[in-house]
PDB file of N, CA and C in Angstrom:
ATOM      1  N   UNK A   1     -12.647  -0.058  -0.691  1.00  0.00           N
ATOM      2  CA  UNK A   1     -11.359   0.365  -1.106  1.00  0.00           C
ATOM      3  C   UNK A   1     -11.833   0.031  -2.527  1.00  0.00           C
ATOM      4  N   UNK A   2     -11.212   0.360  -3.562  1.00  0.00           N
ATOM      5  CA  UNK A   2     -11.271  -1.422  -5.074  1.00  0.00           C
ATOM      6  C   UNK A   2     -10.042  -0.668  -5.740  1.00  0.00           C
ATOM      7  N   UNK A   3      -9.860  -1.525  -6.347  1.00  0.00           N
ATOM      8  CA  UNK A   3      -8.639  -1.406  -7.741  1.00  0.00           C
ATOM      9  C   UNK A   3      -9.069   0.295  -8.941  1.00  0.00           C
ATOM     10  N   UNK A   4      -7.629   0.486  -8.234  1.00  0.00           N
ATOM     11  CA  UNK A   4      -7.539   1.436  -9.013  1.00  0.00           C
ATOM     12  C   UNK A   4      -6.948   2.746  -8.196  1.00  0.00           C
ATOM     13  N   UNK A   5      -7.736   2.668  -7.415  1.00  0.00           N
ATOM     14  CA  UNK A   5      -8.369   3.723  -5.804  1.00  0.00           C
ATOM     15  C   UNK A   5      -6.827   3.999  -5.372  1.00  0.00           C
ATOM     16  N   UNK A   6      -6.872   5.612  -5.275  1.00  0.00           N
ATOM     17  CA  UNK A   6      -5.135   6.084  -4.133  1.00  0.00           C
ATOM     18  C   UNK A   6      -5.582   6.015  -3.021  1.00  0.00           C
ATOM     19  N   UNK A   7      -4.753   5.084  -2.032  1.00  0.00           N
ATOM     20  CA  UNK A   7      -4.726   5.746  -1.166  1.00  0.00           C
ATOM     21  C   UNK A   7      -4.025   6.005  -0.277  1.00  0.00           C
ATOM     22  N   UNK A   8      -3.537   6.782   0.912  1.00  0.00           N
ATOM     23  CA  UNK A   8      -2.492   6.738   1.731  1.00  0.00           C
ATOM     24  C   UNK A   8      -1.746   6.087   2.757  1.00  0.00           C
ATOM     25  N   UNK A   9      -0.491   5.485   2.756  1.00  0.00           N
ATOM     26  CA  UNK A   9       0.189   4.475   4.221  1.00  0.00           C
ATOM     27  C   UNK A   9      -0.865   5.447   5.585  1.00  0.00           C
ATOM     28  N   UNK A  10      -1.239   4.543   6.638  1.00  0.00           N
ATOM     29  CA  UNK A  10      -0.905   5.294   7.866  1.00  0.00           C
ATOM     30  C   UNK A  10      -0.050   4.427   8.359  1.00  0.00           C
ATOM     31  N   UNK A  11      -0.065   3.526   8.665  1.00  0.00           N
ATOM     32  CA  UNK A  11       0.889   2.321   9.895  1.00  0.00           C
ATOM     33  C   UNK A  11       1.793   0.917   8.706  1.00  0.00           C
ATOM     34  N   UNK A  12       2.701   1.935   8.621  1.00  0.00           N
ATOM     35  CA  UNK A  12       4.438   0.682   8.226  1.00  0.00           C
ATOM     36  C   UNK A  12       4.869   0.617   9.417  1.00  0.00           C
ATOM     37  N   UNK A  13       4.115  -0.072  10.550  1.00  0.00           N
ATOM     38  CA  UNK A  13       4.577  -0.258  11.939  1.00  0.00           C
ATOM     39  C   UNK A  13       4.800  -1.600  12.294  1.00  0.00           C
ATOM     40  N   UNK A  14       6.024  -2.382  12.106  1.00  0.00           N
ATOM     41  CA  UNK A  14       5.933  -4.016  12.909  1.00  0.00           C
ATOM     42  C   UNK A  14       6.496  -3.681  14.556  1.00  0.00           C
ATOM     43  N   UNK A  15       4.792  -4.219  15.197  1.00  0.00           N
ATOM     44  CA  UNK A  15       3.943  -4.668  16.377  1.00  0.00           C
ATOM     45  C   UNK A  15       5.880  -5.794  17.101  1.00  0.00           C
ATOM     46  N   UNK A  16       6.363  -6.281  16.308  1.00  0.00           N
ATOM     47  CA  UNK A  16       7.162  -7.181  17.263  1.00  0.00           C
ATOM     48  C   UNK A  16       8.407  -8.097  16.335  1.00  0.00           C
ATOM     49  N   UNK A  17       9.279  -8.283  16.700  1.00  0.00           N
ATOM     50  CA  UNK A  17      10.427  -8.636  16.155  1.00  0.00           C
ATOM     51  C   UNK A  17       9.566 -10.878  15.484  1.00  0.00           C
ATOM     52  N   UNK A  18       8.825 -11.185  15.615  1.00  0.00           N
ATOM     53  CA  UNK A  18       8.222 -12.254  14.399  1.00  0.00           C
ATOM     54  C   UNK A  18       7.823 -11.897  13.764  1.00  0.00           C
ATOM     55  N   UNK A  19       6.889 -10.888  13.881  1.00  0.00           N
ATOM     56  CA  UNK A  19       6.260  -9.762  12.844  1.00  0.00           C
ATOM     57  C   UNK A  19       7.180  -9.211  12.554  1.00  0.00           C
ATOM     58  N   UNK A  20       8.628  -8.959  12.398  1.00  0.00           N
ATOM     59  CA  UNK A  20       9.447  -8.635  11.445  1.00  0.00           C
ATOM     60  C   UNK A  20      10.330  -9.077  10.553  1.00  0.00           C
ATOM     61  N   UNK A  21      10.514 -10.702  11.387  1.00  0.00           N
ATOM     62  CA  UNK A  21      11.332 -11.242  11.099  1.00  0.00           C
ATOM     63  C   UNK A  21      10.071 -12.107   9.256  1.00  0.00           C
ATOM     64  N   UNK A  22       9.492 -12.030   9.807  1.00  0.00           N
ATOM     65  CA  UNK A  22       7.924 -12.567   9.231  1.00  0.00           C
ATOM     66  C   UNK A  22       7.922 -11.933   7.130  1.00  0.00           C
ATOM     67  N   UNK A  23       8.228  -9.924   7.947  1.00  0.00           N
ATOM     68  CA  UNK A  23       8.192  -9.773   6.374  1.00  0.00           C
ATOM     69  C   UNK A  23       9.730  -9.379   6.284  1.00  0.00           C
ATOM     70  N   UNK A  24      10.335  -9.450   6.689  1.00  0.00           N
ATOM     71  CA  UNK A  24      12.451 -10.011   6.318  1.00  0.00           C
ATOM     72  C   UNK A  24      11.743 -11.018   4.627  1.00  0.00           C
ATOM     73  N   UNK A  25      11.889 -12.443   5.475  1.00  0.00           N
ATOM     74  CA  UNK A  25      10.932 -13.235   4.442  1.00  0.00           C
ATOM     75  C   UNK A  25      10.471 -13.249   3.015  1.00  0.00           C
ATOM     76  N   UNK A  26       9.339 -12.450   3.204  1.00  0.00           N
ATOM     77  CA  UNK A  26       8.045 -12.766   2.619  1.00  0.00           C
ATOM     78  C   UNK A  26       7.658 -11.020   1.622  1.00  0.00           C
ATOM     79  N   UNK A  27       8.320 -10.216   2.114  1.00  0.00           N
ATOM     80  CA  UNK A  27       8.250  -9.287   0.917  1.00  0.00           C
ATOM     81  C   UNK A  27       9.482  -8.346   1.636  1.00  0.00           C
ATOM     82  N   UNK A  28      10.396  -7.795  -0.286  1.00  0.00           N
ATOM     83  CA  UNK A  28      10.932  -7.516  -0.748  1.00  0.00           C
ATOM     84  C   UNK A  28      10.994  -5.806  -0.434  1.00  0.00           C
ATOM     85  N   UNK A  29       9.639  -5.327  -0.849  1.00  0.00           N
ATOM     86  CA  UNK A  29       9.604  -4.050  -0.458  1.00  0.00           C
ATOM     87  C   UNK A  29       8.589  -3.990   0.329  1.00  0.00           C
ATOM     88  N   UNK A  30       8.428  -2.934   1.502  1.00  0.00           N
ATOM     89  CA  UNK A  30       7.970  -2.472   1.973  1.00  0.00           C
ATOM     90  C   UNK A  30       7.279  -1.396   1.930  1.00  0.00           C
ATOM     91  N   UNK A  31       5.832  -0.831   2.619  1.00  0.00           N
ATOM     92  CA  UNK A  31       5.146  -0.268   2.379  1.00  0.00           C
ATOM     93  C   UNK A  31       5.461   1.067   3.135  1.00  0.00           C
ATOM     94  N   UNK A  32       6.220   3.069   3.262  1.00  0.00           N
ATOM     95  CA  UNK A  32       6.054   3.665   4.111  1.00  0.00           C
ATOM     96  C   UNK A  32       4.865   4.840   4.434  1.00  0.00           C
ATOM     97  N   UNK A  33       5.114   5.243   5.248  1.00  0.00           N
ATOM     98  CA  UNK A  33       3.855   5.897   5.605  1.00  0.00           C
ATOM     99  C   UNK A  33       3.901   7.426   5.138  1.00  0.00           C
ATOM    100  N   UNK A  34       2.550   8.149   4.702  1.00  0.00           N
ATOM    101  CA  UNK A  34       2.018   8.978   3.873  1.00  0.00           C
ATOM    102  C   UNK A  34       2.821   8.966   3.406  1.00  0.00           C
ATOM    103  N   UNK A  35       3.080   7.832   2.268  1.00  0.00           N
ATOM    104  CA  UNK A  35       3.152   7.851   0.768  1.00  0.00           C
ATOM    105  C   UNK A  35       1.940   7.640   0.217  1.00  0.00           C
ATOM    106  N   UNK A  36       1.682   7.556  -0.954  1.00  0.00           N
ATOM    107  CA  UNK A  36       0.052   7.363  -1.611  1.00  0.00           C
ATOM    108  C   UNK A  36       0.665   5.975  -2.668  1.00  0.00           C
ATOM    109  N   UNK A  37      -0.123   5.182  -2.298  1.00  0.00           N
ATOM    110  CA  UNK A  37      -0.741   4.445  -3.602  1.00  0.00           C
ATOM    111  C   UNK A  37      -1.342   4.125  -3.975  1.00  0.00           C
ATOM    112  N   UNK A  38      -1.934   3.583  -5.915  1.00  0.00           N
ATOM    113  CA  UNK A  38      -2.525   2.752  -6.122  1.00  0.00           C
ATOM    114  C   UNK A  38      -3.007   1.407  -5.802  1.00  0.00           C
ATOM    115  N   UNK A  39      -4.347   1.268  -5.198  1.00  0.00           N
ATOM    116  CA  UNK A  39      -4.343  -0.367  -5.345  1.00  0.00           C
ATOM    117  C   UNK A  39      -4.325  -1.147  -6.471  1.00  0.00           C
ATOM    118  N   UNK A  40      -4.109  -2.130  -6.857  1.00  0.00           N
ATOM    119  CA  UNK A  40      -3.749  -2.935  -7.721  1.00  0.00           C
ATOM    120  C   UNK A  40      -5.275  -4.245  -7.702  1.00  0.00           C
ATOM    121  N   UNK A  41      -5.325  -4.895  -6.694  1.00  0.00           N
ATOM    122  CA  UNK A  41      -5.952  -6.146  -6.387  1.00  0.00           C
ATOM    123  C   UNK A  41      -6.075  -6.254  -4.905  1.00  0.00           C
ATOM    124  N   UNK A  42      -7.714  -6.928  -4.703  1.00  0.00           N
ATOM    125  CA  UNK A  42      -8.613  -6.689  -3.180  1.00  0.00           C
ATOM    126  C   UNK A  42      -7.641  -8.339  -3.107  1.00  0.00           C
ATOM    127  N   UNK A  43      -7.130  -9.091  -1.882  1.00  0.00           N
ATOM    128  CA  UNK A  43      -8.350 -10.157  -1.720  1.00  0.00           C
ATOM    129  C   UNK A  43      -8.356 -10.396  -0.270  1.00  0.00           C
ATOM    130  N   UNK A  44      -8.954 -11.305  -0.570  1.00  0.00           N
ATOM    131  CA  UNK A  44      -9.555 -11.648   0.900  1.00  0.00           C
ATOM    132  C   UNK A  44      -9.284 -12.474   1.507  1.00  0.00           C
ATOM    133  N   UNK A  45      -8.579 -13.159   1.359  1.00  0.00           N
ATOM    134  CA  UNK A  45      -7.265 -13.821   1.640  1.00  0.00           C
ATOM    135  C   UNK A  45      -8.144 -15.630   3.149  1.00  0.00           C
ATOM    136  N   UNK A  46      -9.360 -15.697   2.599  1.00  0.00           N
ATOM    137  CA  UNK A  46      -9.924 -17.007   3.497  1.00  0.00           C
ATOM    138  C   UNK A  46     -10.917 -15.779   4.516  1.00  0.00           C
ATOM    139  N   UNK A  47     -10.906 -15.205   4.051  1.00  0.00           N
ATOM    140  CA  UNK A  47     -11.919 -14.065   5.064  1.00  0.00           C
ATOM    141  C   UNK A  47     -10.886 -14.166   6.739  1.00  0.00           C
ATOM    142  N   UNK A  48      -9.270 -14.209   6.416  1.00  0.00           N
ATOM    143  CA  UNK A  48      -9.001 -14.127   7.851  1.00  0.00           C
ATOM    144  C   UNK A  48      -8.119 -12.658   8.040  1.00  0.00           C
ATOM    145  N   UNK A  49      -7.690 -12.034   6.368  1.00  0.00           N
ATOM    146  CA  UNK A  49      -7.331 -10.958   6.972  1.00  0.00           C
ATOM    147  C   UNK A  49      -7.346 -10.037   5.066  1.00  0.00           C
ATOM    148  N   UNK A  50      -8.214  -9.057   5.041  1.00  0.00           N
ATOM    149  CA  UNK A  50      -8.589  -8.145   3.920  1.00  0.00           C
ATOM    150  C   UNK A  50      -6.981  -7.485   3.615  1.00  0.00           C
ATOM    151  N   UNK A  51      -6.444  -7.883   2.425  1.00  0.00           N
ATOM    152  CA  UNK A  51      -5.604  -7.465   1.805  1.00  0.00           C
ATOM    153  C   UNK A  51      -5.117  -7.226   0.868  1.00  0.00           C
ATOM    154  N   UNK A  52      -4.530  -6.014   0.806  1.00  0.00           N
ATOM    155  CA  UNK A  52      -4.105  -5.371  -0.848  1.00  0.00           C
ATOM    156  C   UNK A  52      -2.820  -5.076  -1.673  1.00  0.00           C
ATOM    157  N   UNK A  53      -2.496  -5.306  -2.533  1.00  0.00           N
ATOM    158  CA  UNK A  53      -1.182  -5.579  -3.206  1.00  0.00           C
ATOM    159  C   UNK A  53      -1.647  -3.560  -4.222  1.00  0.00           C
ATOM    160  N   UNK A  54      -0.194  -2.982  -5.003  1.00  0.00           N
ATOM    161  CA  UNK A  54      -0.466  -2.687  -4.657  1.00  0.00           C
ATOM    162  C   UNK A  54       0.299  -1.996  -5.923  1.00  0.00           C
ATOM    163  N   UNK A  55      -0.448  -1.000  -7.180  1.00  0.00           N
ATOM    164  CA  UNK A  55       0.564  -0.887  -8.028  1.00  0.00           C
ATOM    165  C   UNK A  55       1.832  -0.364  -8.183  1.00  0.00           C
ATOM    166  N   UNK A  56       2.584   0.359  -7.113  1.00  0.00           N
ATOM    167  CA  UNK A  56       3.794   0.727  -6.907  1.00  0.00           C
ATOM    168  C   UNK A  56       5.375  -0.374  -6.361  1.00  0.00           C
ATOM    169  N   UNK A  57       3.679  -1.117  -5.577  1.00  0.00           N
ATOM    170  CA  UNK A  57       5.277  -2.635  -4.363  1.00  0.00           C
ATOM    171  C   UNK A  57       4.559  -3.843  -5.517  1.00  0.00           C
ATOM    172  N   UNK A  58       5.871  -4.006  -6.021  1.00  0.00           N
ATOM    173  CA  UNK A  58       5.057  -5.513  -6.436  1.00  0.00           C
ATOM    174  C   UNK A  58       6.404  -6.451  -5.645  1.00  0.00           C
ATOM    175  N   UNK A  59       5.319  -7.682  -4.975  1.00  0.00           N
ATOM    176  CA  UNK A  59       6.343  -8.698  -4.043  1.00  0.00           C
ATOM    177  C   UNK A  59       7.078  -9.732  -5.189  1.00  0.00           C
ATOM    178  N   UNK A  60       7.843 -10.858  -4.496  1.00  0.00           N
ATOM    179  CA  UNK A  60       7.956 -12.236  -5.540  1.00  0.00           C
ATOM    180  C   UNK A  60       6.629 -13.088  -4.122  1.00  0.00           C
ATOM    181  N   UNK A  61       5.793 -14.255  -5.253  1.00  0.00           N
ATOM    182  CA  UNK A  61       4.831 -14.641  -5.223  1.00  0.00           C
ATOM    183  C   UNK A  61       5.786 -16.095  -3.806  1.00  0.00           C
ATOM    184  N   UNK A  62       4.696 -15.885  -2.287  1.00  0.00           N
ATOM    185  CA  UNK A  62       5.811 -16.704  -1.287  1.00  0.00           C
ATOM    186  C   UNK A  62       4.592 -17.199  -1.044  1.00  0.00           C
ATOM    187  N   UNK A  63       4.686 -18.866  -0.387  1.00  0.00           N
ATOM    188  CA  UNK A  63       3.999 -19.938  -0.067  1.00  0.00           C
ATOM    189  C   UNK A  63       3.816 -18.953   1.517  1.00  0.00           C
ATOM    190  N   UNK A  64       1.715 -18.860   1.891  1.00  0.00           N
ATOM    191  CA  UNK A  64       1.675 -18.367   2.950  1.00  0.00           C
ATOM    192  C   UNK A  64       0.952 -19.534   4.021  1.00  0.00           C
ATOM    193  N   UNK A  65       1.360 -19.584   4.669  1.00  0.00           N
ATOM    194  CA  UNK A  65       0.889 -21.225   6.088  1.00  0.00           C
ATOM    195  C   UNK A  65      -0.610 -20.990   6.167  1.00  0.00           C
ATOM    196  N   UNK A  66      -0.140 -19.177   6.767  1.00  0.00           N
ATOM    197  CA  UNK A  66      -2.192 -19.353   7.023  1.00  0.00           C
ATOM    198  C   UNK A  66      -3.340 -19.348   6.490  1.00  0.00           C
ATOM    199  N   UNK A  67      -2.969 -19.150   5.002  1.00  0.00           N
ATOM    200  CA  UNK A  67      -4.088 -19.503   4.420  1.00  0.00           C
ATOM    201  C   UNK A  67      -3.896 -20.720   3.238  1.00  0.00           C
ATOM    202  N   UNK A  68      -2.473 -21.352   3.739  1.00  0.00           N
ATOM    203  CA  UNK A  68      -2.709 -22.259   2.665  1.00  0.00           C
ATOM    204  C   UNK A  68      -2.447 -22.810   1.288  1.00  0.00           C
ATOM    205  N   UNK A  69      -1.311 -21.114   1.124  1.00  0.00           N
ATOM    206  CA  UNK A  69      -1.598 -21.161  -0.538  1.00  0.00           C
ATOM    207  C   UNK A  69      -0.733 -20.528  -0.996  1.00  0.00           C
ATOM    208  N   UNK A  70       0.189 -20.715  -2.369  1.00  0.00           N
ATOM    209  CA  UNK A  70       1.543 -20.107  -2.490  1.00  0.00           C
ATOM    210  C   UNK A  70       1.107 -18.368  -3.228  1.00  0.00           C
ATOM    211  N   UNK A  71       0.919 -17.286  -2.826  1.00  0.00           N
ATOM    212  CA  UNK A  71       0.762 -15.686  -3.620  1.00  0.00           C
ATOM    213  C   UNK A  71       1.761 -14.825  -3.187  1.00  0.00           C
ATOM    214  N   UNK A  72       1.562 -13.523  -4.162  1.00  0.00           N
ATOM    215  CA  UNK A  72       2.264 -12.374  -4.269  1.00  0.00           C
ATOM    216  C   UNK A  72       1.479 -11.804  -2.001  1.00  0.00           C
ATOM    217  N   UNK A  73       2.068 -11.571  -1.122  1.00  0.00           N
ATOM    218  CA  UNK A  73       1.579 -11.423  -0.352  1.00  0.00           C
ATOM    219  C   UNK A  73       0.978 -10.434   0.057  1.00  0.00           C
ATOM    220  N   UNK A  74       0.332 -10.231   0.598  1.00  0.00           N
ATOM    221  CA  UNK A  74      -0.726  -8.399   0.438  1.00  0.00           C
ATOM    222  C   UNK A  74       0.136  -7.817   1.249  1.00  0.00           C
ATOM    223  N   UNK A  75      -0.454  -6.225   1.296  1.00  0.00           N
ATOM    224  CA  UNK A  75      -0.500  -6.003   2.960  1.00  0.00           C
ATOM    225  C   UNK A  75      -1.824  -5.225   3.630  1.00  0.00           C
ATOM    226  N   UNK A  76      -1.960  -5.338   4.873  1.00  0.00           N
ATOM    227  CA  UNK A  76      -3.081  -5.138   4.986  1.00  0.00           C
ATOM    228  C   UNK A  76      -3.803  -3.898   4.677  1.00  0.00           C
ATOM    229  N   UNK A  77      -4.786  -4.135   4.999  1.00  0.00           N
ATOM    230  CA  UNK A  77      -5.874  -3.211   4.519  1.00  0.00           C
ATOM    231  C   UNK A  77      -6.444  -2.116   5.149  1.00  0.00           C
ATOM    232  N   UNK A  78      -6.398  -2.394   6.752  1.00  0.00           N
ATOM    233  CA  UNK A  78      -6.156  -1.554   7.520  1.00  0.00           C
ATOM    234  C   UNK A  78      -4.773  -0.309   7.410  1.00  0.00           C
ATOM    235  N   UNK A  79      -4.159  -0.706   7.075  1.00  0.00           N
ATOM    236  CA  UNK A  79      -2.877   0.612   6.907  1.00  0.00           C
ATOM    237  C   UNK A  79      -3.125   1.599   5.748  1.00  0.00           C
ATOM    238  N   UNK A  80      -4.319   1.556   5.167  1.00  0.00           N
ATOM    239  CA  UNK A  80      -3.908   2.655   4.121  1.00  0.00           C
ATOM    240  C   UNK A  80      -5.422   3.130   4.632  1.00  0.00           C
ATOM    241  N   UNK A  81      -5.769   4.178   4.447  1.00  0.00           N
ATOM    242  CA  UNK A  81      -7.275   5.474   4.764  1.00  0.00           C
ATOM    243  C   UNK A  81      -6.938   5.480   3.281  1.00  0.00           C
ATOM    244  N   UNK A  82      -7.994   5.629   2.605  1.00  0.00           N
ATOM    245  CA  UNK A  82      -9.006   6.207   0.865  1.00  0.00           C
ATOM    246  C   UNK A  82      -8.377   7.355   1.187  1.00  0.00           C
ATOM    247  N   UNK A  83      -7.825   7.695  -0.490  1.00  0.00           N
ATOM    248  CA  UNK A  83      -8.239   9.002  -0.637  1.00  0.00           C
ATOM    249  C   UNK A  83      -9.423   9.681  -0.828  1.00  0.00           C
ATOM    250  N   UNK A  84     -10.058  10.524  -0.777  1.00  0.00           N
ATOM    251  CA  UNK A  84     -10.752  10.861  -1.871  1.00  0.00           C
ATOM    252  C   UNK A  84     -10.367  11.793  -2.817  1.00  0.00           C
ATOM    253  N   UNK A  85     -12.126  12.267  -4.169  1.00  0.00           N
ATOM    254  CA  UNK A  85     -11.553  12.848  -5.185  1.00  0.00           C
ATOM    255  C   UNK A  85     -11.185  14.414  -4.896  1.00  0.00           C
ATOM    256  N   UNK A  86     -11.570  14.430  -4.227  1.00  0.00           N
ATOM    257  CA  UNK A  86     -11.013  16.503  -3.284  1.00  0.00           C
ATOM    258  C   UNK A  86      -9.411  16.153  -3.294  1.00  0.00           C
ATOM    259  N   UNK A  87      -9.058  15.360  -2.210  1.00  0.00           N
ATOM    260  CA  UNK A  87      -8.090  15.001  -1.561  1.00  0.00           C
ATOM    261  C   UNK A  87      -7.169  14.748  -3.275  1.00  0.00           C
ATOM    262  N   UNK A  88      -7.178  14.138  -4.120  1.00  0.00           N
ATOM    263  CA  UNK A  88      -6.406  13.762  -5.307  1.00  0.00           C
ATOM    264  C   UNK A  88      -6.245  15.243  -6.166  1.00  0.00           C
ATOM    265  N   UNK A  89      -7.384  15.331  -5.955  1.00  0.00           N
ATOM    266  CA  UNK A  89      -7.519  17.386  -6.868  1.00  0.00           C
ATOM    267  C   UNK A  89      -6.952  18.439  -5.985  1.00  0.00           C
ATOM    268  N   UNK A  90      -6.342  18.311  -4.705  1.00  0.00           N
ATOM    269  CA  UNK A  90      -6.580  19.209  -4.187  1.00  0.00           C
ATOM    270  C   UNK A  90      -4.497  18.302  -4.313  1.00  0.00           C
ATOM    271  N   UNK A  91      -4.103  17.679  -4.788  1.00  0.00           N
ATOM    272  CA  UNK A  91      -2.590  17.245  -4.401  1.00  0.00           C
ATOM    273  C   UNK A  91      -1.876  17.662  -5.767  1.00  0.00           C
ATOM    274  N   UNK A  92      -2.991  17.609  -7.150  1.00  0.00           N
ATOM    275  CA  UNK A  92      -2.216  17.895  -7.896  1.00  0.00           C
ATOM    276  C   UNK A  92      -2.201  19.350  -7.801  1.00  0.00           C
ATOM    277  N   UNK A  93      -3.516  20.007  -7.551  1.00  0.00           N
ATOM    278  CA  UNK A  93      -3.216  21.487  -7.336  1.00  0.00           C
ATOM    279  C   UNK A  93      -1.870  21.868  -6.971  1.00  0.00           C
ATOM    280  N   UNK A  94      -1.571  21.508  -5.538  1.00  0.00           N
ATOM    281  CA  UNK A  94      -0.734  21.469  -4.902  1.00  0.00           C
ATOM    282  C   UNK A  94       1.202  21.578  -5.594  1.00  0.00           C
ATOM    283  N   UNK A  95       0.676  20.327  -6.802  1.00  0.00           N
ATOM    284  CA  UNK A  95       1.922  20.153  -7.685  1.00  0.00           C
ATOM    285  C   UNK A  95       1.903  21.532  -8.214  1.00  0.00           C
ATOM    286  N   UNK A  96       0.798  21.359  -9.366  1.00  0.00           N
ATOM    287  CA  UNK A  96       1.322  22.520 -10.419  1.00  0.00           C
ATOM    288  C   UNK A  96       1.794  23.753  -9.946  1.00  0.00           C
ATOM    289  N   UNK A  97       1.296  24.108  -8.524  1.00  0.00           N
ATOM    290  CA  UNK A  97       1.621  25.458  -7.631  1.00  0.00           C
ATOM    291  C   UNK A  97       3.609  26.009  -7.769  1.00  0.00           C
ATOM    292  N   UNK A  98       3.986  24.250  -6.617  1.00  0.00           N
ATOM    293  CA  UNK A  98       5.538  24.032  -7.409  1.00  0.00           C
ATOM    294  C   UNK A  98       5.766  24.231  -8.495  1.00  0.00           C
ATOM    295  N   UNK A  99       5.297  23.822  -9.501  1.00  0.00           N
ATOM    296  CA  UNK A  99       5.628  23.534 -10.861  1.00  0.00           C
ATOM    297  C   UNK A  99       5.755  24.936 -11.376  1.00  0.00           C
ATOM    298  N   UNK A 100       4.816  26.486 -11.342  1.00  0.00           N
ATOM    299  CA  UNK A 100       4.700  27.305 -11.654  1.00  0.00           C
ATOM    300  C   UNK A 100       5.595  28.031 -11.190  1.00  0.00           C
ATOM    301  N   UNK A 101       6.217  27.362  -9.758  1.00  0.00           N
ATOM    302  CA  UNK A 101       6.838  28.959  -8.632  1.00  0.00           C
ATOM    303  C   UNK A 101       8.630  28.634  -9.454  1.00  0.00           C
ATOM    304  N   UNK A 102       8.707  26.840  -8.973  1.00  0.00           N
ATOM    305  CA  UNK A 102       9.385  27.011  -9.953  1.00  0.00           C
ATOM    306  C   UNK A 102      10.171  27.857 -11.699  1.00  0.00           C
ATOM    307  N   UNK A 103       9.208  27.723 -11.547  1.00  0.00           N
ATOM    308  CA  UNK A 103       9.165  27.701 -13.764  1.00  0.00           C
ATOM    309  C   UNK A 103       9.756  29.395 -13.911  1.00  0.00           C
ATOM    310  N   UNK A 104       8.897  29.749 -12.397  1.00  0.00           N
ATOM    311  CA  UNK A 104       9.501  31.551 -11.852  1.00  0.00           C
ATOM    312  C   UNK A 104      10.562  32.128 -12.287  1.00  0.00           C
ATOM    313  N   UNK A 105      11.558  31.357 -11.190  1.00  0.00           N
ATOM    314  CA  UNK A 105      13.190  31.220 -10.751  1.00  0.00           C
ATOM    315  C   UNK A 105      13.874  30.996 -12.313  1.00  0.00           C
TER     316      UNK A 105
END
């Protein structure tokens, strides 16, 4: 993964009540499964977990105890799958075909 790359969310789940509570406290906006996003930045998070910041979602910085610093909370990279150029092109072609069909109506 790299900044500027398109990714699709494959996991927006919250596995426990504790995690849900943490998300509600730290994220104003959450990701949605099957939605395509653009990577804005990749955060190493002190080698604990690789996180990604997205162009389409910006959350305010918060203090994160696990890494002992204030930053924008990142989404775990494991929650996304990279889109390759073929998939991007296929999606563009699908949208263009749909627009053409609508214009014919």
